[in-house]
Amino acid sequence: MSAYIKLLTLIIFTLFIYACSNESTSNQAQTAQTNETGTQEIEIEEKYDFRKTKWGMSIEEVKESEDTEPIEQSKNTLDYSTLIFGREAQIGYIFNNDELIRAGLFFIPDPDTIHGDIDNYLTIKDELTKVNGKPVLDTVKQKDPSKKIDPENNREAVCNGDILYAAQWDLPATDIQLLLRGENSNCMLTILYVSEEGLRKLLQERANQK
């Protein structure tokens, strides 16, 4: 799938996600501990795909993984509210046939934020890179290359839709997409985790829109 199509699939969406998600590409990690008798016991440390969830979990299983009640629920979605960097954010889970296929976090637009969106984007990108390596996509694109934009006004340019920041990591079981873009004069900072099944469904949805 082309990077362009993948960027178009971003829907919902951060150190908070990163801190609660995989720290490696494997689903399990073994740690050795020594018990009182001096022998070693092997503990299996469970790893998750997003926060405390794994792809394929049911809506009820995901609800049990969260400490609060969802602010909104439908047949195929669960939404939660949280605070990240002192700002309101929304956690979203998307299901297909009662199986988790996509999840992410979306910062609630704050018009009073000054350059914070770009700083947060760069911080999140750096942390994700430390864990997952160099992204397969890492770009800052100007919608109209001929338009002159003062670097001091980058945030305003992003919020107006003139500049887009995007990064993407392709892991064995998960596609991670980080995006900062403009919509209705607001800066939209999102991060999306997508399973293999989620990618297939997004491609199908994209094809059906043509």
C-alpha atoms as a PDB file:
ATOM      1  CA  MET A   1       0.000   0.000   0.000  1.00  0.00           C
ATOM      2  CA  SER A   2       1.373   3.414  -0.913  1.00  0.00           C
ATOM      3  CA  ALA A   3       2.318   5.915   1.777  1.00  0.00           C
ATOM      4  CA  TYR A   4      -0.224   8.338   0.307  1.00  0.00           C
ATOM      5  CA  ILE A   5      -3.121   5.916   0.786  1.00  0.00           C
ATOM      6  CA  LYS A   6      -1.958   5.082   4.288  1.00  0.00           C
ATOM      7  CA  LEU A   7      -1.971   8.753   5.207  1.00  0.00           C
ATOM      8  CA  LEU A   8      -5.537   9.067   3.958  1.00  0.00           C
ATOM      9  CA  THR A   9      -6.612   6.287   6.336  1.00  0.00           C
ATOM     10  CA  LEU A  10      -5.822   8.198   9.512  1.00  0.00           C
ATOM     11  CA  ILE A  11      -9.006   8.501  11.538  1.00  0.00           C
ATOM     12  CA  ILE A  12      -8.719   8.749  15.296  1.00  0.00           C
ATOM     13  CA  PHE A  13      -6.034   9.140  17.427  1.00  0.00           C
ATOM     14  CA  THR A  14       1.848  10.479  22.322  1.00  0.00           C
ATOM     15  CA  LEU A  15       3.950   9.353  24.800  1.00  0.00           C
ATOM     16  CA  PHE A  16       1.001   7.990  26.769  1.00  0.00           C
ATOM     17  CA  ILE A  17       0.165   5.471  24.035  1.00  0.00           C
ATOM     18  CA  TYR A  18       3.787   4.626  23.465  1.00  0.00           C
ATOM     19  CA  ALA A  19       4.412   4.115  27.173  1.00  0.00           C
ATOM     20  CA  CYS A  20       1.467   1.730  27.453  1.00  0.00           C
ATOM     21  CA  SER A  21       2.056  -0.148  24.210  1.00  0.00           C
ATOM     22  CA  ASN A  22       4.706  -2.550  22.902  1.00  0.00           C
ATOM     23  CA  GLU A  23       8.313  -1.976  23.839  1.00  0.00           C
ATOM     24  CA  SER A  24       9.291  -4.661  21.331  1.00  0.00           C
ATOM     25  CA  THR A  25       7.750  -6.364  18.293  1.00  0.00           C
ATOM     26  CA  SER A  26       7.142  -9.639  20.096  1.00  0.00           C
ATOM     27  CA  ASN A  27       3.955 -10.449  21.978  1.00  0.00           C
ATOM     28  CA  GLN A  28       5.748 -12.026  24.941  1.00  0.00           C
ATOM     29  CA  ALA A  29       9.008 -11.465  26.773  1.00  0.00           C
ATOM     30  CA  GLN A  30      10.726 -13.820  29.217  1.00  0.00           C
ATOM     31  CA  THR A  31      12.367 -12.530  32.384  1.00  0.00           C
ATOM     32  CA  ALA A  32      14.340 -14.702  34.789  1.00  0.00           C
ATOM     33  CA  GLN A  33      13.878 -14.347  38.530  1.00  0.00           C
ATOM     34  CA  THR A  34      15.578 -16.184  41.383  1.00  0.00           C
ATOM     35  CA  ASN A  35      13.312 -17.589  44.073  1.00  0.00           C
ATOM     36  CA  GLU A  36      14.116 -18.177  47.740  1.00  0.00           C
ATOM     37  CA  THR A  37      15.696 -21.577  47.058  1.00  0.00           C
ATOM     38  CA  GLY A  38      18.183 -20.041  44.638  1.00  0.00           C
ATOM     39  CA  THR A  39      16.715 -21.658  41.536  1.00  0.00           C
ATOM     40  CA  GLN A  40      15.581 -19.614  38.573  1.00  0.00           C
ATOM     41  CA  GLU A  41      11.971 -19.297  37.529  1.00  0.00           C
ATOM     42  CA  ILE A  42      10.934 -18.007  34.131  1.00  0.00           C
ATOM     43  CA  GLU A  43       8.162 -15.417  34.146  1.00  0.00           C
ATOM     44  CA  ILE A  44       6.174 -14.655  31.019  1.00  0.00           C
ATOM     45  CA  GLU A  45       5.561 -10.938  30.705  1.00  0.00           C
ATOM     46  CA  GLU A  46       2.517 -10.271  28.545  1.00  0.00           C
ATOM     47  CA  LYS A  47       2.880  -7.634  25.820  1.00  0.00           C
ATOM     48  CA  TYR A  48       0.105  -5.640  24.239  1.00  0.00           C
ATOM     49  CA  ASP A  49      -0.553  -4.081  20.843  1.00  0.00           C
ATOM     50  CA  PHE A  50      -2.111  -0.883  22.218  1.00  0.00           C
ATOM     51  CA  ARG A  51      -2.329   0.145  25.872  1.00  0.00           C
ATOM     52  CA  LYS A  52      -3.548  -2.995  27.668  1.00  0.00           C
ATOM     53  CA  THR A  53      -5.198  -4.577  24.648  1.00  0.00           C
ATOM     54  CA  LYS A  54      -4.352  -6.997  21.859  1.00  0.00           C
ATOM     55  CA  TRP A  55      -5.711  -7.225  18.347  1.00  0.00           C
ATOM     56  CA  GLY A  56      -8.783  -9.434  18.183  1.00  0.00           C
ATOM     57  CA  MET A  57     -10.061  -8.575  21.655  1.00  0.00           C
ATOM     58  CA  SER A  58     -13.813  -8.127  22.011  1.00  0.00           C
ATOM     59  CA  ILE A  59     -15.504  -4.886  23.065  1.00  0.00           C
ATOM     60  CA  GLU A  60     -16.114  -6.280  26.543  1.00  0.00           C
ATOM     61  CA  GLU A  61     -12.491  -7.359  26.911  1.00  0.00           C
ATOM     62  CA  VAL A  62     -11.283  -3.889  25.912  1.00  0.00           C
ATOM     63  CA  LYS A  63     -13.725  -2.269  28.354  1.00  0.00           C
ATOM     64  CA  GLU A  64     -12.305  -4.448  31.116  1.00  0.00           C
ATOM     65  CA  SER A  65      -8.783  -3.235  30.241  1.00  0.00           C
ATOM     66  CA  GLU A  66      -9.692   0.416  30.853  1.00  0.00           C
ATOM     67  CA  ASP A  67     -10.021   1.910  34.338  1.00  0.00           C
ATOM     68  CA  THR A  68     -12.893   4.245  33.445  1.00  0.00           C
ATOM     69  CA  GLU A  69     -16.203   3.991  31.623  1.00  0.00           C
ATOM     70  CA  PRO A  70     -16.286   4.960  27.932  1.00  0.00           C
ATOM     71  CA  ILE A  71     -17.611   8.414  27.127  1.00  0.00           C
ATOM     72  CA  GLU A  72     -19.214   6.976  24.012  1.00  0.00           C
ATOM     73  CA  GLN A  73     -19.934   3.508  22.660  1.00  0.00           C
ATOM     74  CA  SER A  74     -21.440   2.176  19.453  1.00  0.00           C
ATOM     75  CA  LYS A  75     -21.653  -1.234  17.804  1.00  0.00           C
ATOM     76  CA  ASN A  76     -18.062  -0.982  16.520  1.00  0.00           C
ATOM     77  CA  THR A  77     -16.382   1.756  18.589  1.00  0.00           C
ATOM     78  CA  LEU A  78     -15.345   2.698  22.112  1.00  0.00           C
ATOM     79  CA  ASP A  79     -14.187   6.199  23.060  1.00  0.00           C
ATOM     80  CA  TYR A  80     -12.478   7.310  26.272  1.00  0.00           C
ATOM     81  CA  SER A  81     -11.374  10.698  27.572  1.00  0.00           C
ATOM     82  CA  THR A  82      -7.961  11.413  29.112  1.00  0.00           C
ATOM     83  CA  LEU A  83      -5.373  14.154  29.693  1.00  0.00           C
ATOM     84  CA  ILE A  84      -2.015  14.156  27.866  1.00  0.00           C
ATOM     85  CA  PHE A  85       0.554  16.935  28.361  1.00  0.00           C
ATOM     86  CA  GLY A  86      -2.141  18.788  30.287  1.00  0.00           C
ATOM     87  CA  ARG A  87      -4.455  18.707  27.273  1.00  0.00           C
ATOM     88  CA  GLU A  88      -7.686  16.884  26.628  1.00  0.00           C
ATOM     89  CA  ALA A  89      -7.365  13.843  24.413  1.00  0.00           C
ATOM     90  CA  GLN A  90      -9.662  11.078  23.220  1.00  0.00           C
ATOM     91  CA  ILE A  91      -8.732   7.400  23.068  1.00  0.00           C
ATOM     92  CA  GLY A  92     -10.534   5.465  20.358  1.00  0.00           C
ATOM     93  CA  TYR A  93     -10.972   1.741  19.693  1.00  0.00           C
ATOM     94  CA  ILE A  94     -12.455   0.395  16.441  1.00  0.00           C
ATOM     95  CA  PHE A  95     -13.828  -3.135  16.028  1.00  0.00           C
ATOM     96  CA  ASN A  96     -14.902  -5.380  13.170  1.00  0.00           C
ATOM     97  CA  ASN A  97     -17.181  -8.315  14.018  1.00  0.00           C
ATOM     98  CA  ASP A  98     -16.453  -7.627  17.716  1.00  0.00           C
ATOM     99  CA  GLU A  99     -12.689  -7.902  17.188  1.00  0.00           C
ATOM    100  CA  LEU A 100     -10.296  -5.020  17.840  1.00  0.00           C
ATOM    101  CA  ILE A 101      -8.578  -3.957  14.593  1.00  0.00           C
ATOM    102  CA  ARG A 102      -7.620  -0.281  15.119  1.00  0.00           C
ATOM    103  CA  ALA A 103      -6.947   2.052  18.010  1.00  0.00           C
ATOM    104  CA  GLY A 104      -5.384   5.417  18.668  1.00  0.00           C
ATOM    105  CA  LEU A 105      -5.474   8.792  20.281  1.00  0.00           C
ATOM    106  CA  PHE A 106      -6.686  12.196  19.161  1.00  0.00           C
ATOM    107  CA  PHE A 107      -5.757  15.489  20.814  1.00  0.00           C
ATOM    108  CA  ILE A 108      -8.727  17.794  21.256  1.00  0.00           C
ATOM    109  CA  PRO A 109      -7.851  20.969  19.281  1.00  0.00           C
ATOM    110  CA  ASP A 110      -6.768  23.854  21.507  1.00  0.00           C
ATOM    111  CA  PRO A 111      -6.608  27.225  19.711  1.00  0.00           C
ATOM    112  CA  ASP A 112      -4.671  28.722  22.646  1.00  0.00           C
ATOM    113  CA  THR A 113      -1.747  26.327  22.185  1.00  0.00           C
ATOM    114  CA  ILE A 114       1.330  28.169  20.870  1.00  0.00           C
ATOM    115  CA  HIS A 115       3.705  25.892  18.933  1.00  0.00           C
ATOM    116  CA  GLY A 116       2.839  23.076  21.366  1.00  0.00           C
ATOM    117  CA  ASP A 117       1.409  20.844  18.666  1.00  0.00           C
ATOM    118  CA  ILE A 118       4.642  20.732  16.665  1.00  0.00           C
ATOM    119  CA  ASP A 119       6.719  20.225  19.828  1.00  0.00           C
ATOM    120  CA  ASN A 120       4.463  17.357  20.929  1.00  0.00           C
ATOM    121  CA  TYR A 121       4.630  15.796  17.463  1.00  0.00           C
ATOM    122  CA  LEU A 122       8.439  15.871  17.449  1.00  0.00           C
ATOM    123  CA  THR A 123       8.651  14.499  21.000  1.00  0.00           C
ATOM    124  CA  ILE A 124       6.339  11.597  20.190  1.00  0.00           C
ATOM    125  CA  LYS A 125       8.186  10.853  16.950  1.00  0.00           C
ATOM    126  CA  ASP A 126      11.530  10.747  18.774  1.00  0.00           C
ATOM    127  CA  GLU A 127      10.205   8.362  21.439  1.00  0.00           C
ATOM    128  CA  LEU A 128       8.603   6.052  18.874  1.00  0.00           C
ATOM    129  CA  THR A 129      11.844   6.029  16.908  1.00  0.00           C
ATOM    130  CA  LYS A 130      13.813   4.975  19.994  1.00  0.00           C
ATOM    131  CA  VAL A 131      11.596   1.901  20.342  1.00  0.00           C
ATOM    132  CA  ASN A 132      10.733   1.032  16.734  1.00  0.00           C
ATOM    133  CA  GLY A 133      13.709   2.341  14.801  1.00  0.00           C
ATOM    134  CA  LYS A 134      13.712   4.758  11.901  1.00  0.00           C
ATOM    135  CA  PRO A 135      10.232   5.317  10.441  1.00  0.00           C
ATOM    136  CA  VAL A 136       9.562   4.140   6.887  1.00  0.00           C
ATOM    137  CA  LEU A 137       7.888   7.485   6.284  1.00  0.00           C
ATOM    138  CA  ASP A 138       9.072  10.759   7.833  1.00  0.00           C
ATOM    139  CA  THR A 139       7.960  13.872   6.022  1.00  0.00           C
ATOM    140  CA  VAL A 140       6.966  17.503   6.304  1.00  0.00           C
ATOM    141  CA  LYS A 141       5.004  18.473   3.208  1.00  0.00           C
ATOM    142  CA  GLN A 142       3.789  21.841   2.035  1.00  0.00           C
ATOM    143  CA  LYS A 143       0.505  21.705   0.146  1.00  0.00           C
ATOM    144  CA  ASP A 144       1.542  24.423  -2.263  1.00  0.00           C
ATOM    145  CA  PRO A 145       5.360  24.470  -2.658  1.00  0.00           C
ATOM    146  CA  SER A 146       5.193  27.818  -4.422  1.00  0.00           C
ATOM    147  CA  LYS A 147       3.575  29.509  -1.435  1.00  0.00           C
ATOM    148  CA  LYS A 148       6.050  31.357   0.783  1.00  0.00           C
ATOM    149  CA  ILE A 149       5.596  30.525   4.461  1.00  0.00           C
ATOM    150  CA  ASP A 150       7.488  32.238   7.263  1.00  0.00           C
ATOM    151  CA  PRO A 151       9.083  29.545   9.513  1.00  0.00           C
ATOM    152  CA  GLU A 152       7.869  31.575  12.488  1.00  0.00           C
ATOM    153  CA  ASN A 153       4.315  30.871  11.340  1.00  0.00           C
ATOM    154  CA  ASN A 154       4.673  27.097  10.904  1.00  0.00           C
ATOM    155  CA  ARG A 155       2.000  26.253  13.436  1.00  0.00           C
ATOM    156  CA  GLU A 156      -0.500  28.587  11.799  1.00  0.00           C
ATOM    157  CA  ALA A 157       0.390  27.038   8.437  1.00  0.00           C
ATOM    158  CA  VAL A 158      -0.281  23.557   9.825  1.00  0.00           C
ATOM    159  CA  CYS A 159      -3.614  24.589  11.325  1.00  0.00           C
ATOM    160  CA  ASN A 160      -4.623  26.194   8.019  1.00  0.00           C
ATOM    161  CA  GLY A 161      -3.796  22.991   6.142  1.00  0.00           C
ATOM    162  CA  ASP A 162      -0.782  24.405   4.299  1.00  0.00           C
ATOM    163  CA  ILE A 163       1.768  22.091   5.971  1.00  0.00           C
ATOM    164  CA  LEU A 164       1.482  18.434   7.011  1.00  0.00           C
ATOM    165  CA  TYR A 165       3.783  16.470   9.346  1.00  0.00           C
ATOM    166  CA  ALA A 166       3.678  12.671   9.049  1.00  0.00           C
ATOM    167  CA  ALA A 167       5.648   9.634  10.215  1.00  0.00           C
ATOM    168  CA  GLN A 168       4.960   5.919   9.911  1.00  0.00           C
ATOM    169  CA  TRP A 169       6.380   2.661  11.288  1.00  0.00           C
ATOM    170  CA  ASP A 170       5.597  -0.740   9.760  1.00  0.00           C
ATOM    171  CA  LEU A 171       5.950  -3.423  12.443  1.00  0.00           C
ATOM    172  CA  PRO A 172       5.260  -7.158  11.983  1.00  0.00           C
ATOM    173  CA  ALA A 173       1.764  -7.002  13.507  1.00  0.00           C
ATOM    174  CA  THR A 174       1.071  -3.283  13.692  1.00  0.00           C
ATOM    175  CA  ASP A 175       1.220  -0.183  11.510  1.00  0.00           C
ATOM    176  CA  ILE A 176       1.817   3.027  13.504  1.00  0.00           C
ATOM    177  CA  GLN A 177       0.905   6.356  11.911  1.00  0.00           C
ATOM    178  CA  LEU A 178       1.651   9.754  13.466  1.00  0.00           C
ATOM    179  CA  LEU A 179       0.097  12.817  11.858  1.00  0.00           C
ATOM    180  CA  LEU A 180      -0.132  16.555  12.475  1.00  0.00           C
ATOM    181  CA  ARG A 181      -2.431  18.348  10.048  1.00  0.00           C
ATOM    182  CA  GLY A 182      -4.908  21.198   9.813  1.00  0.00           C
ATOM    183  CA  GLU A 183      -8.679  21.107   9.734  1.00  0.00           C
ATOM    184  CA  ASN A 184     -11.107  24.013  10.148  1.00  0.00           C
ATOM    185  CA  SER A 185      -8.209  26.254  11.252  1.00  0.00           C
ATOM    186  CA  ASN A 186      -7.333  23.773  14.037  1.00  0.00           C
ATOM    187  CA  CYS A 187      -4.179  21.687  14.444  1.00  0.00           C
ATOM    188  CA  MET A 188      -5.084  17.979  14.594  1.00  0.00           C
ATOM    189  CA  LEU A 189      -2.479  15.760  16.263  1.00  0.00           C
ATOM    190  CA  THR A 190      -3.275  12.053  16.017  1.00  0.00           C
ATOM    191  CA  ILE A 191      -1.580   8.687  16.334  1.00  0.00           C
ATOM    192  CA  LEU A 192      -3.108   5.505  14.982  1.00  0.00           C
ATOM    193  CA  TYR A 193      -2.253   1.847  15.620  1.00  0.00           C
ATOM    194  CA  VAL A 194      -3.598  -0.524  12.951  1.00  0.00           C
ATOM    195  CA  SER A 195      -3.571  -4.320  12.833  1.00  0.00           C
ATOM    196  CA  GLU A 196      -3.022  -6.317   9.643  1.00  0.00           C
ATOM    197  CA  GLU A 197      -6.769  -6.936   9.476  1.00  0.00           C
ATOM    198  CA  GLY A 198      -7.353  -3.226  10.037  1.00  0.00           C
ATOM    199  CA  LEU A 199      -5.109  -2.353   7.087  1.00  0.00           C
ATOM    200  CA  ARG A 200      -6.967  -4.755   4.817  1.00  0.00           C
ATOM    201  CA  LYS A 201     -10.291  -3.255   5.852  1.00  0.00           C
ATOM    202  CA  LEU A 202      -9.033   0.307   5.350  1.00  0.00           C
ATOM    203  CA  LEU A 203      -7.864  -0.582   1.838  1.00  0.00           C
ATOM    204  CA  GLN A 204     -11.251  -2.091   1.105  1.00  0.00           C
ATOM    205  CA  GLU A 205     -13.043   1.005   2.419  1.00  0.00           C
ATOM    206  CA  ARG A 206     -10.768   3.212   0.330  1.00  0.00           C
ATOM    207  CA  ALA A 207     -11.461   1.143  -2.794  1.00  0.00           C
ATOM    208  CA  ASN A 208     -15.215   1.317  -2.194  1.00  0.00           C
ATOM    209  CA  GLN A 209     -15.071   5.117  -2.065  1.00  0.00           C
ATOM    210  CA  LYS A 210     -13.724   5.337  -5.613  1.00  0.00           C
END
